[in-house]
């Protein structure tokens, strides 16, 4: 009789037990890049997506959702279900400047960092025949003649650093053009005279551009003689990175699985070839270290925002 009762209790518990979580992933995963195709974050995210497919046997695709300096794509990810099927590939501005300036409907708690994998070879570039070659000569020229600036948006950290540099050097840009794509065509058309962009976007016309300053923490491998912005304008050390993020509340086992796949992808020959050809920093920083770095960068971004709002 006792055994029968125990059996009945056991069956009752099984009936009310929650279903076992299926192993992730069961269906296709979408990686959201909030910029147009072609730049480094897009190239490397596609390598991660390919590695994800190879490792899991489940299709992964990259979807580009440009707009608002990454706000549109980041907002889409922040509102997705925290189930690992929507992954954001975001620049530093998403969890820092956008939150500090309250220009987006998400906050610091909206995302779960998976890791950081890219430092952009960001630079200020002009046409090869420009009558200036560094920040000092640009400043001297711009005090008397108009210079038009192209940038990725007013709330993007390199843009803020560019305006801060101009202020410190005592000049203003005559006009500026926000754009989602800062490539050779925009510069050569004359729509802008200089632009703060990724070197990856000007590789096709590298022989016809002049690099005035590198927005990195070490010289660009493609133009090693160009001085850093922080060397030319003290107090403006800037590193622009990109990482993977999930909606807050995503189970840790999914975060860890994605992190392991991304780390393997960044160590691949294909990813390291991107680094070699573009001068980009390609590596992997996992969830814990990424969180610490974001906290530190948030403080630094607060100071930069305050400086540009004076």
C-alpha atoms as a PDB file:
ATOM      1  CA  UNK A   1       0.000   0.000   0.000  1.00  0.00           C
ATOM      2  CA  UNK A   2       2.836   2.422   0.924  1.00  0.00           C
ATOM      3  CA  UNK A   3       4.641   1.703  -2.312  1.00  0.00           C
ATOM      4  CA  UNK A   4       1.444   2.332  -4.251  1.00  0.00           C
ATOM      5  CA  UNK A   5       0.917   5.681  -2.548  1.00  0.00           C
ATOM      6  CA  UNK A   6       4.525   6.721  -3.177  1.00  0.00           C
ATOM      7  CA  UNK A   7       4.148   5.785  -6.819  1.00  0.00           C
ATOM      8  CA  UNK A   8       0.984   7.886  -7.099  1.00  0.00           C
ATOM      9  CA  UNK A   9       2.700  10.866  -5.447  1.00  0.00           C
ATOM     10  CA  UNK A  10       5.663  10.513  -7.813  1.00  0.00           C
ATOM     11  CA  UNK A  11       3.402  10.440 -10.848  1.00  0.00           C
ATOM     12  CA  UNK A  12       1.540  13.509  -9.577  1.00  0.00           C
ATOM     13  CA  UNK A  13       4.784  15.440  -9.154  1.00  0.00           C
ATOM     14  CA  UNK A  14       5.857  14.532 -12.663  1.00  0.00           C
ATOM     15  CA  UNK A  15       2.535  15.738 -14.003  1.00  0.00           C
ATOM     16  CA  UNK A  16       3.039  19.198 -12.481  1.00  0.00           C
ATOM     17  CA  UNK A  17       6.795  19.475 -13.138  1.00  0.00           C
ATOM     18  CA  UNK A  18       7.829  22.090 -15.724  1.00  0.00           C
ATOM     19  CA  UNK A  19       8.949  20.689 -19.061  1.00  0.00           C
ATOM     20  CA  UNK A  20      12.671  20.199 -19.435  1.00  0.00           C
ATOM     21  CA  UNK A  21      14.401  23.055 -21.274  1.00  0.00           C
ATOM     22  CA  UNK A  22      15.314  22.008 -24.777  1.00  0.00           C
ATOM     23  CA  UNK A  23      18.957  22.255 -25.635  1.00  0.00           C
ATOM     24  CA  UNK A  24      19.852  25.595 -27.212  1.00  0.00           C
ATOM     25  CA  UNK A  25      19.583  26.262 -30.105  1.00  0.00           C
ATOM     26  CA  UNK A  26      16.508  24.627 -31.564  1.00  0.00           C
ATOM     27  CA  UNK A  27      15.867  27.142 -34.330  1.00  0.00           C
ATOM     28  CA  UNK A  28      17.745  29.762 -36.371  1.00  0.00           C
ATOM     29  CA  UNK A  29      19.537  32.562 -34.528  1.00  0.00           C
ATOM     30  CA  UNK A  30      19.682  36.174 -35.715  1.00  0.00           C
ATOM     31  CA  UNK A  31      22.687  38.427 -35.136  1.00  0.00           C
ATOM     32  CA  UNK A  32      21.676  42.097 -35.396  1.00  0.00           C
ATOM     33  CA  UNK A  33      24.252  44.598 -36.671  1.00  0.00           C
ATOM     34  CA  UNK A  34      22.891  48.167 -36.335  1.00  0.00           C
ATOM     35  CA  UNK A  35      24.960  49.488 -39.249  1.00  0.00           C
ATOM     36  CA  UNK A  36      24.985  48.918 -43.035  1.00  0.00           C
ATOM     37  CA  UNK A  37      26.940  45.916 -44.367  1.00  0.00           C
ATOM     38  CA  UNK A  38      30.660  46.137 -45.006  1.00  0.00           C
ATOM     39  CA  UNK A  39      32.427  47.509 -41.950  1.00  0.00           C
ATOM     40  CA  UNK A  40      34.444  45.480 -39.470  1.00  0.00           C
ATOM     41  CA  UNK A  41      31.656  44.677 -37.016  1.00  0.00           C
ATOM     42  CA  UNK A  42      29.633  43.312 -39.932  1.00  0.00           C
ATOM     43  CA  UNK A  43      32.497  41.203 -41.308  1.00  0.00           C
ATOM     44  CA  UNK A  44      33.429  39.720 -37.934  1.00  0.00           C
ATOM     45  CA  UNK A  45      29.843  39.121 -36.822  1.00  0.00           C
ATOM     46  CA  UNK A  46      29.325  37.114 -40.005  1.00  0.00           C
ATOM     47  CA  UNK A  47      32.360  35.011 -39.095  1.00  0.00           C
ATOM     48  CA  UNK A  48      30.808  34.390 -35.664  1.00  0.00           C
ATOM     49  CA  UNK A  49      27.470  33.482 -37.279  1.00  0.00           C
ATOM     50  CA  UNK A  50      29.204  31.017 -39.618  1.00  0.00           C
ATOM     51  CA  UNK A  51      31.041  29.457 -36.672  1.00  0.00           C
ATOM     52  CA  UNK A  52      27.744  29.199 -34.775  1.00  0.00           C
ATOM     53  CA  UNK A  53      26.201  27.276 -37.674  1.00  0.00           C
ATOM     54  CA  UNK A  54      29.196  24.954 -37.927  1.00  0.00           C
ATOM     55  CA  UNK A  55      29.303  24.285 -34.186  1.00  0.00           C
ATOM     56  CA  UNK A  56      25.577  23.750 -33.623  1.00  0.00           C
ATOM     57  CA  UNK A  57      24.238  22.665 -36.998  1.00  0.00           C
ATOM     58  CA  UNK A  58      21.563  25.352 -36.629  1.00  0.00           C
ATOM     59  CA  UNK A  59      21.454  28.232 -39.143  1.00  0.00           C
ATOM     60  CA  UNK A  60      22.534  31.694 -37.993  1.00  0.00           C
ATOM     61  CA  UNK A  61      22.177  34.852 -40.042  1.00  0.00           C
ATOM     62  CA  UNK A  62      23.254  38.477 -39.786  1.00  0.00           C
ATOM     63  CA  UNK A  63      20.598  41.163 -40.219  1.00  0.00           C
ATOM     64  CA  UNK A  64      21.640  44.794 -40.693  1.00  0.00           C
ATOM     65  CA  UNK A  65      19.296  47.300 -39.006  1.00  0.00           C
ATOM     66  CA  UNK A  66      20.956  50.722 -39.419  1.00  0.00           C
ATOM     67  CA  UNK A  67      19.500  53.933 -38.071  1.00  0.00           C
ATOM     68  CA  UNK A  68      19.956  56.475 -35.319  1.00  0.00           C
ATOM     69  CA  UNK A  69      23.635  55.787 -34.716  1.00  0.00           C
ATOM     70  CA  UNK A  70      22.870  52.148 -33.737  1.00  0.00           C
ATOM     71  CA  UNK A  71      19.808  53.061 -31.631  1.00  0.00           C
ATOM     72  CA  UNK A  72      17.291  51.315 -33.873  1.00  0.00           C
ATOM     73  CA  UNK A  73      19.102  47.976 -33.928  1.00  0.00           C
ATOM     74  CA  UNK A  74      19.948  48.094 -30.230  1.00  0.00           C
ATOM     75  CA  UNK A  75      16.343  48.898 -29.343  1.00  0.00           C
ATOM     76  CA  UNK A  76      15.161  45.928 -31.390  1.00  0.00           C
ATOM     77  CA  UNK A  77      17.483  43.606 -29.474  1.00  0.00           C
ATOM     78  CA  UNK A  78      16.563  45.092 -26.088  1.00  0.00           C
ATOM     79  CA  UNK A  79      12.903  44.279 -26.764  1.00  0.00           C
ATOM     80  CA  UNK A  80      13.523  40.720 -27.964  1.00  0.00           C
ATOM     81  CA  UNK A  81      12.798  37.631 -25.883  1.00  0.00           C
ATOM     82  CA  UNK A  82      15.762  36.701 -23.634  1.00  0.00           C
ATOM     83  CA  UNK A  83      16.083  33.265 -25.200  1.00  0.00           C
ATOM     84  CA  UNK A  84      19.329  33.542 -27.167  1.00  0.00           C
ATOM     85  CA  UNK A  85      17.727  33.759 -30.587  1.00  0.00           C
ATOM     86  CA  UNK A  86      18.366  37.497 -31.051  1.00  0.00           C
ATOM     87  CA  UNK A  87      21.967  38.634 -30.508  1.00  0.00           C
ATOM     88  CA  UNK A  88      23.188  42.224 -30.801  1.00  0.00           C
ATOM     89  CA  UNK A  89      26.581  43.238 -32.181  1.00  0.00           C
ATOM     90  CA  UNK A  90      27.096  46.681 -30.649  1.00  0.00           C
ATOM     91  CA  UNK A  91      29.681  49.437 -30.407  1.00  0.00           C
ATOM     92  CA  UNK A  92      30.709  50.941 -27.061  1.00  0.00           C
ATOM     93  CA  UNK A  93      28.164  53.759 -27.446  1.00  0.00           C
ATOM     94  CA  UNK A  94      25.149  51.473 -27.005  1.00  0.00           C
ATOM     95  CA  UNK A  95      25.749  50.637 -23.308  1.00  0.00           C
ATOM     96  CA  UNK A  96      27.409  53.978 -22.512  1.00  0.00           C
ATOM     97  CA  UNK A  97      26.701  57.223 -24.415  1.00  0.00           C
ATOM     98  CA  UNK A  98      23.169  56.292 -25.492  1.00  0.00           C
ATOM     99  CA  UNK A  99      22.301  55.593 -21.864  1.00  0.00           C
ATOM    100  CA  UNK A 100      24.119  58.629 -20.444  1.00  0.00           C
ATOM    101  CA  UNK A 101      22.434  61.007 -22.887  1.00  0.00           C
ATOM    102  CA  UNK A 102      19.077  59.198 -22.611  1.00  0.00           C
ATOM    103  CA  UNK A 103      18.638  59.018 -26.378  1.00  0.00           C
ATOM    104  CA  UNK A 104      17.297  55.466 -26.446  1.00  0.00           C
ATOM    105  CA  UNK A 105      14.475  53.535 -24.735  1.00  0.00           C
ATOM    106  CA  UNK A 106      16.901  51.083 -23.123  1.00  0.00           C
ATOM    107  CA  UNK A 107      19.256  51.422 -20.153  1.00  0.00           C
ATOM    108  CA  UNK A 108      22.365  49.720 -18.745  1.00  0.00           C
ATOM    109  CA  UNK A 109      20.254  46.877 -17.387  1.00  0.00           C
ATOM    110  CA  UNK A 110      18.696  46.070 -20.765  1.00  0.00           C
ATOM    111  CA  UNK A 111      21.571  43.909 -22.013  1.00  0.00           C
ATOM    112  CA  UNK A 112      23.662  40.953 -20.964  1.00  0.00           C
ATOM    113  CA  UNK A 113      27.247  41.264 -22.288  1.00  0.00           C
ATOM    114  CA  UNK A 114      28.527  38.143 -24.023  1.00  0.00           C
ATOM    115  CA  UNK A 115      31.959  39.542 -24.804  1.00  0.00           C
ATOM    116  CA  UNK A 116      34.037  42.110 -26.720  1.00  0.00           C
ATOM    117  CA  UNK A 117      35.837  41.119 -29.904  1.00  0.00           C
ATOM    118  CA  UNK A 118      36.934  44.175 -31.900  1.00  0.00           C
ATOM    119  CA  UNK A 119      38.855  47.421 -31.534  1.00  0.00           C
ATOM    120  CA  UNK A 120      38.243  49.589 -34.577  1.00  0.00           C
ATOM    121  CA  UNK A 121      41.126  51.143 -36.514  1.00  0.00           C
ATOM    122  CA  UNK A 122      39.262  54.455 -36.337  1.00  0.00           C
ATOM    123  CA  UNK A 123      40.825  57.579 -37.787  1.00  0.00           C
ATOM    124  CA  UNK A 124      40.232  61.072 -39.090  1.00  0.00           C
ATOM    125  CA  UNK A 125      40.902  61.010 -42.841  1.00  0.00           C
ATOM    126  CA  UNK A 126      40.907  63.555 -45.656  1.00  0.00           C
ATOM    127  CA  UNK A 127      41.680  63.508 -49.363  1.00  0.00           C
ATOM    128  CA  UNK A 128      45.308  62.981 -50.339  1.00  0.00           C
ATOM    129  CA  UNK A 129      45.552  66.459 -51.835  1.00  0.00           C
ATOM    130  CA  UNK A 130      44.256  68.191 -48.693  1.00  0.00           C
ATOM    131  CA  UNK A 131      46.410  71.138 -47.513  1.00  0.00           C
ATOM    132  CA  UNK A 132      46.706  69.668 -44.006  1.00  0.00           C
ATOM    133  CA  UNK A 133      48.287  66.473 -42.700  1.00  0.00           C
ATOM    134  CA  UNK A 134      47.641  66.393 -38.944  1.00  0.00           C
ATOM    135  CA  UNK A 135      45.406  67.974 -36.321  1.00  0.00           C
ATOM    136  CA  UNK A 136      47.561  71.094 -35.891  1.00  0.00           C
ATOM    137  CA  UNK A 137      47.651  71.929 -39.600  1.00  0.00           C
ATOM    138  CA  UNK A 138      43.929  71.122 -39.918  1.00  0.00           C
ATOM    139  CA  UNK A 139      43.227  73.575 -37.110  1.00  0.00           C
ATOM    140  CA  UNK A 140      45.337  76.278 -38.745  1.00  0.00           C
ATOM    141  CA  UNK A 141      43.574  75.798 -42.083  1.00  0.00           C
ATOM    142  CA  UNK A 142      40.050  75.632 -40.608  1.00  0.00           C
ATOM    143  CA  UNK A 143      40.430  78.913 -38.753  1.00  0.00           C
ATOM    144  CA  UNK A 144      40.323  80.759 -42.097  1.00  0.00           C
ATOM    145  CA  UNK A 145      38.664  78.359 -44.539  1.00  0.00           C
ATOM    146  CA  UNK A 146      35.619  76.067 -44.334  1.00  0.00           C
ATOM    147  CA  UNK A 147      36.099  72.365 -43.534  1.00  0.00           C
ATOM    148  CA  UNK A 148      33.171  69.953 -43.717  1.00  0.00           C
ATOM    149  CA  UNK A 149      33.163  66.932 -41.399  1.00  0.00           C
ATOM    150  CA  UNK A 150      31.542  63.546 -41.999  1.00  0.00           C
ATOM    151  CA  UNK A 151      30.708  61.370 -38.993  1.00  0.00           C
ATOM    152  CA  UNK A 152      28.539  58.486 -37.789  1.00  0.00           C
ATOM    153  CA  UNK A 153      26.286  60.615 -35.581  1.00  0.00           C
ATOM    154  CA  UNK A 154      26.559  63.187 -32.820  1.00  0.00           C
ATOM    155  CA  UNK A 155      26.336  60.636 -30.038  1.00  0.00           C
ATOM    156  CA  UNK A 156      29.061  58.327 -31.373  1.00  0.00           C
ATOM    157  CA  UNK A 157      32.208  58.523 -29.257  1.00  0.00           C
ATOM    158  CA  UNK A 158      34.707  59.256 -32.099  1.00  0.00           C
ATOM    159  CA  UNK A 159      32.434  62.073 -33.297  1.00  0.00           C
ATOM    160  CA  UNK A 160      32.348  63.543 -29.812  1.00  0.00           C
ATOM    161  CA  UNK A 161      36.132  63.247 -29.602  1.00  0.00           C
ATOM    162  CA  UNK A 162      36.483  65.007 -32.970  1.00  0.00           C
ATOM    163  CA  UNK A 163      34.383  67.974 -31.879  1.00  0.00           C
ATOM    164  CA  UNK A 164      36.224  68.067 -28.541  1.00  0.00           C
ATOM    165  CA  UNK A 165      39.557  68.103 -30.399  1.00  0.00           C
ATOM    166  CA  UNK A 166      38.392  70.985 -32.582  1.00  0.00           C
ATOM    167  CA  UNK A 167      37.336  72.912 -29.499  1.00  0.00           C
ATOM    168  CA  UNK A 168      40.667  72.326 -27.765  1.00  0.00           C
ATOM    169  CA  UNK A 169      42.535  73.416 -30.900  1.00  0.00           C
ATOM    170  CA  UNK A 170      40.435  76.536 -31.293  1.00  0.00           C
ATOM    171  CA  UNK A 171      38.445  75.931 -34.472  1.00  0.00           C
ATOM    172  CA  UNK A 172      34.981  74.856 -35.620  1.00  0.00           C
ATOM    173  CA  UNK A 173      33.875  72.813 -38.598  1.00  0.00           C
ATOM    174  CA  UNK A 174      31.959  74.864 -41.146  1.00  0.00           C
ATOM    175  CA  UNK A 175      29.451  72.033 -41.586  1.00  0.00           C
ATOM    176  CA  UNK A 176      29.051  68.426 -40.600  1.00  0.00           C
ATOM    177  CA  UNK A 177      27.222  65.475 -42.152  1.00  0.00           C
ATOM    178  CA  UNK A 178      25.960  62.491 -40.132  1.00  0.00           C
ATOM    179  CA  UNK A 179      25.887  59.309 -42.219  1.00  0.00           C
ATOM    180  CA  UNK A 180      25.505  55.577 -41.745  1.00  0.00           C
ATOM    181  CA  UNK A 181      28.256  54.902 -44.275  1.00  0.00           C
ATOM    182  CA  UNK A 182      31.503  56.893 -44.404  1.00  0.00           C
ATOM    183  CA  UNK A 183      33.379  55.454 -47.357  1.00  0.00           C
ATOM    184  CA  UNK A 184      35.544  56.563 -50.279  1.00  0.00           C
ATOM    185  CA  UNK A 185      32.574  57.807 -52.324  1.00  0.00           C
ATOM    186  CA  UNK A 186      31.467  60.290 -49.668  1.00  0.00           C
ATOM    187  CA  UNK A 187      34.959  61.762 -49.367  1.00  0.00           C
ATOM    188  CA  UNK A 188      35.704  61.855 -53.081  1.00  0.00           C
ATOM    189  CA  UNK A 189      32.357  63.466 -53.918  1.00  0.00           C
ATOM    190  CA  UNK A 190      33.338  66.559 -51.962  1.00  0.00           C
ATOM    191  CA  UNK A 191      30.338  66.243 -49.674  1.00  0.00           C
ATOM    192  CA  UNK A 192      32.824  66.181 -46.804  1.00  0.00           C
ATOM    193  CA  UNK A 193      36.447  67.291 -46.503  1.00  0.00           C
ATOM    194  CA  UNK A 194      37.398  65.056 -43.592  1.00  0.00           C
ATOM    195  CA  UNK A 195      35.580  62.199 -41.883  1.00  0.00           C
ATOM    196  CA  UNK A 196      35.914  60.237 -38.680  1.00  0.00           C
ATOM    197  CA  UNK A 197      35.589  56.676 -39.923  1.00  0.00           C
ATOM    198  CA  UNK A 198      36.921  53.145 -39.798  1.00  0.00           C
ATOM    199  CA  UNK A 199      39.958  52.426 -41.944  1.00  0.00           C
ATOM    200  CA  UNK A 200      38.144  49.341 -43.219  1.00  0.00           C
ATOM    201  CA  UNK A 201      35.767  51.604 -45.136  1.00  0.00           C
ATOM    202  CA  UNK A 202      38.532  53.474 -46.970  1.00  0.00           C
ATOM    203  CA  UNK A 203      40.714  50.502 -47.865  1.00  0.00           C
ATOM    204  CA  UNK A 204      39.591  50.614 -51.518  1.00  0.00           C
ATOM    205  CA  UNK A 205      40.911  54.190 -51.836  1.00  0.00           C
ATOM    206  CA  UNK A 206      43.761  54.099 -49.332  1.00  0.00           C
ATOM    207  CA  UNK A 207      46.176  55.573 -51.886  1.00  0.00           C
ATOM    208  CA  UNK A 208      43.973  58.624 -52.339  1.00  0.00           C
ATOM    209  CA  UNK A 209      43.329  59.501 -48.694  1.00  0.00           C
ATOM    210  CA  UNK A 210      45.399  61.152 -45.996  1.00  0.00           C
ATOM    211  CA  UNK A 211      45.153  59.975 -42.381  1.00  0.00           C
ATOM    212  CA  UNK A 212      45.352  62.890 -39.941  1.00  0.00           C
ATOM    213  CA  UNK A 213      44.960  61.099 -36.602  1.00  0.00           C
ATOM    214  CA  UNK A 214      44.378  57.575 -35.254  1.00  0.00           C
ATOM    215  CA  UNK A 215      41.627  57.156 -32.645  1.00  0.00           C
ATOM    216  CA  UNK A 216      43.285  54.114 -31.116  1.00  0.00           C
ATOM    217  CA  UNK A 217      45.573  53.223 -28.225  1.00  0.00           C
ATOM    218  CA  UNK A 218      48.467  52.245 -30.493  1.00  0.00           C
ATOM    219  CA  UNK A 219      49.511  53.233 -34.039  1.00  0.00           C
ATOM    220  CA  UNK A 220      47.505  51.865 -36.948  1.00  0.00           C
ATOM    221  CA  UNK A 221      49.300  49.009 -38.670  1.00  0.00           C
ATOM    222  CA  UNK A 222      48.205  50.349 -42.075  1.00  0.00           C
ATOM    223  CA  UNK A 223      49.642  53.832 -41.381  1.00  0.00           C
ATOM    224  CA  UNK A 224      52.104  53.386 -38.503  1.00  0.00           C
ATOM    225  CA  UNK A 225      53.609  56.870 -38.862  1.00  0.00           C
ATOM    226  CA  UNK A 226      50.330  58.645 -38.123  1.00  0.00           C
ATOM    227  CA  UNK A 227      50.149  60.007 -34.582  1.00  0.00           C
ATOM    228  CA  UNK A 228      47.359  59.071 -32.195  1.00  0.00           C
ATOM    229  CA  UNK A 229      44.650  61.630 -31.491  1.00  0.00           C
ATOM    230  CA  UNK A 230      45.635  61.466 -27.812  1.00  0.00           C
ATOM    231  CA  UNK A 231      49.217  62.415 -28.738  1.00  0.00           C
ATOM    232  CA  UNK A 232      48.112  65.395 -30.803  1.00  0.00           C
ATOM    233  CA  UNK A 233      45.336  66.546 -28.470  1.00  0.00           C
ATOM    234  CA  UNK A 234      46.045  65.485 -24.860  1.00  0.00           C
ATOM    235  CA  UNK A 235      43.083  64.220 -22.860  1.00  0.00           C
ATOM    236  CA  UNK A 236      41.280  62.596 -25.775  1.00  0.00           C
ATOM    237  CA  UNK A 237      42.429  59.007 -25.611  1.00  0.00           C
ATOM    238  CA  UNK A 238      39.688  56.953 -27.222  1.00  0.00           C
ATOM    239  CA  UNK A 239      39.200  53.291 -28.065  1.00  0.00           C
ATOM    240  CA  UNK A 240      36.130  52.270 -30.010  1.00  0.00           C
ATOM    241  CA  UNK A 241      35.174  48.617 -29.551  1.00  0.00           C
ATOM    242  CA  UNK A 242      32.391  46.251 -30.574  1.00  0.00           C
ATOM    243  CA  UNK A 243      30.906  43.323 -28.683  1.00  0.00           C
ATOM    244  CA  UNK A 244      28.070  40.816 -28.506  1.00  0.00           C
ATOM    245  CA  UNK A 245      25.036  41.418 -26.299  1.00  0.00           C
ATOM    246  CA  UNK A 246      21.862  39.553 -25.386  1.00  0.00           C
ATOM    247  CA  UNK A 247      18.637  40.855 -23.835  1.00  0.00           C
ATOM    248  CA  UNK A 248      18.830  40.977 -20.036  1.00  0.00           C
ATOM    249  CA  UNK A 249      17.541  37.792 -18.433  1.00  0.00           C
ATOM    250  CA  UNK A 250      19.021  35.403 -20.999  1.00  0.00           C
ATOM    251  CA  UNK A 251      20.049  32.169 -19.207  1.00  0.00           C
ATOM    252  CA  UNK A 252      23.744  31.987 -18.324  1.00  0.00           C
ATOM    253  CA  UNK A 253      24.218  28.707 -20.174  1.00  0.00           C
ATOM    254  CA  UNK A 254      23.192  30.438 -23.404  1.00  0.00           C
ATOM    255  CA  UNK A 255      25.556  33.354 -22.723  1.00  0.00           C
ATOM    256  CA  UNK A 256      28.398  30.906 -22.098  1.00  0.00           C
ATOM    257  CA  UNK A 257      27.658  28.863 -25.217  1.00  0.00           C
ATOM    258  CA  UNK A 258      27.654  31.931 -27.427  1.00  0.00           C
ATOM    259  CA  UNK A 259      30.841  33.197 -25.775  1.00  0.00           C
ATOM    260  CA  UNK A 260      32.654  29.929 -26.435  1.00  0.00           C
ATOM    261  CA  UNK A 261      31.627  29.952 -30.103  1.00  0.00           C
ATOM    262  CA  UNK A 262      32.602  33.615 -30.562  1.00  0.00           C
ATOM    263  CA  UNK A 263      35.986  33.055 -28.930  1.00  0.00           C
ATOM    264  CA  UNK A 264      36.712  30.204 -31.340  1.00  0.00           C
ATOM    265  CA  UNK A 265      35.572  32.330 -34.278  1.00  0.00           C
ATOM    266  CA  UNK A 266      37.880  35.224 -33.361  1.00  0.00           C
ATOM    267  CA  UNK A 267      40.842  32.881 -33.106  1.00  0.00           C
ATOM    268  CA  UNK A 268      40.132  31.527 -36.584  1.00  0.00           C
ATOM    269  CA  UNK A 269      42.374  32.170 -39.558  1.00  0.00           C
ATOM    270  CA  UNK A 270      39.584  34.076 -41.292  1.00  0.00           C
ATOM    271  CA  UNK A 271      39.115  36.527 -38.408  1.00  0.00           C
ATOM    272  CA  UNK A 272      42.843  37.060 -37.961  1.00  0.00           C
ATOM    273  CA  UNK A 273      43.128  37.764 -41.680  1.00  0.00           C
ATOM    274  CA  UNK A 274      40.651  40.616 -41.216  1.00  0.00           C
ATOM    275  CA  UNK A 275      42.909  41.983 -38.495  1.00  0.00           C
ATOM    276  CA  UNK A 276      45.982  41.706 -40.681  1.00  0.00           C
ATOM    277  CA  UNK A 277      44.361  43.401 -43.683  1.00  0.00           C
ATOM    278  CA  UNK A 278      42.653  46.260 -41.832  1.00  0.00           C
ATOM    279  CA  UNK A 279      44.729  46.930 -38.734  1.00  0.00           C
ATOM    280  CA  UNK A 280      41.767  46.117 -36.498  1.00  0.00           C
ATOM    281  CA  UNK A 281      42.265  44.597 -33.068  1.00  0.00           C
ATOM    282  CA  UNK A 282      40.578  41.176 -33.184  1.00  0.00           C
ATOM    283  CA  UNK A 283      40.460  39.175 -29.933  1.00  0.00           C
ATOM    284  CA  UNK A 284      37.993  37.861 -27.355  1.00  0.00           C
ATOM    285  CA  UNK A 285      37.124  39.229 -23.915  1.00  0.00           C
ATOM    286  CA  UNK A 286      34.535  37.104 -22.096  1.00  0.00           C
ATOM    287  CA  UNK A 287      31.410  38.118 -20.147  1.00  0.00           C
ATOM    288  CA  UNK A 288      32.988  38.926 -16.770  1.00  0.00           C
ATOM    289  CA  UNK A 289      35.856  41.034 -18.116  1.00  0.00           C
ATOM    290  CA  UNK A 290      33.527  42.685 -20.632  1.00  0.00           C
ATOM    291  CA  UNK A 291      31.220  43.837 -17.825  1.00  0.00           C
ATOM    292  CA  UNK A 292      34.167  45.379 -15.964  1.00  0.00           C
ATOM    293  CA  UNK A 293      35.376  47.143 -19.097  1.00  0.00           C
ATOM    294  CA  UNK A 294      31.911  48.534 -19.815  1.00  0.00           C
ATOM    295  CA  UNK A 295      31.713  49.910 -16.264  1.00  0.00           C
ATOM    296  CA  UNK A 296      35.067  51.664 -16.692  1.00  0.00           C
ATOM    297  CA  UNK A 297      34.164  52.979 -20.143  1.00  0.00           C
ATOM    298  CA  UNK A 298      30.842  54.260 -18.824  1.00  0.00           C
ATOM    299  CA  UNK A 299      32.717  56.511 -16.405  1.00  0.00           C
ATOM    300  CA  UNK A 300      35.057  57.704 -19.163  1.00  0.00           C
ATOM    301  CA  UNK A 301      32.103  58.352 -21.480  1.00  0.00           C
ATOM    302  CA  UNK A 302      30.386  60.435 -18.790  1.00  0.00           C
ATOM    303  CA  UNK A 303      33.440  62.705 -18.724  1.00  0.00           C
ATOM    304  CA  UNK A 304      33.508  63.010 -22.529  1.00  0.00           C
ATOM    305  CA  UNK A 305      29.793  63.835 -22.674  1.00  0.00           C
ATOM    306  CA  UNK A 306      30.243  66.476 -19.990  1.00  0.00           C
ATOM    307  CA  UNK A 307      33.199  67.946 -21.901  1.00  0.00           C
ATOM    308  CA  UNK A 308      31.278  68.240 -25.174  1.00  0.00           C
ATOM    309  CA  UNK A 309      28.252  69.802 -23.487  1.00  0.00           C
ATOM    310  CA  UNK A 310      30.168  72.693 -21.971  1.00  0.00           C
END
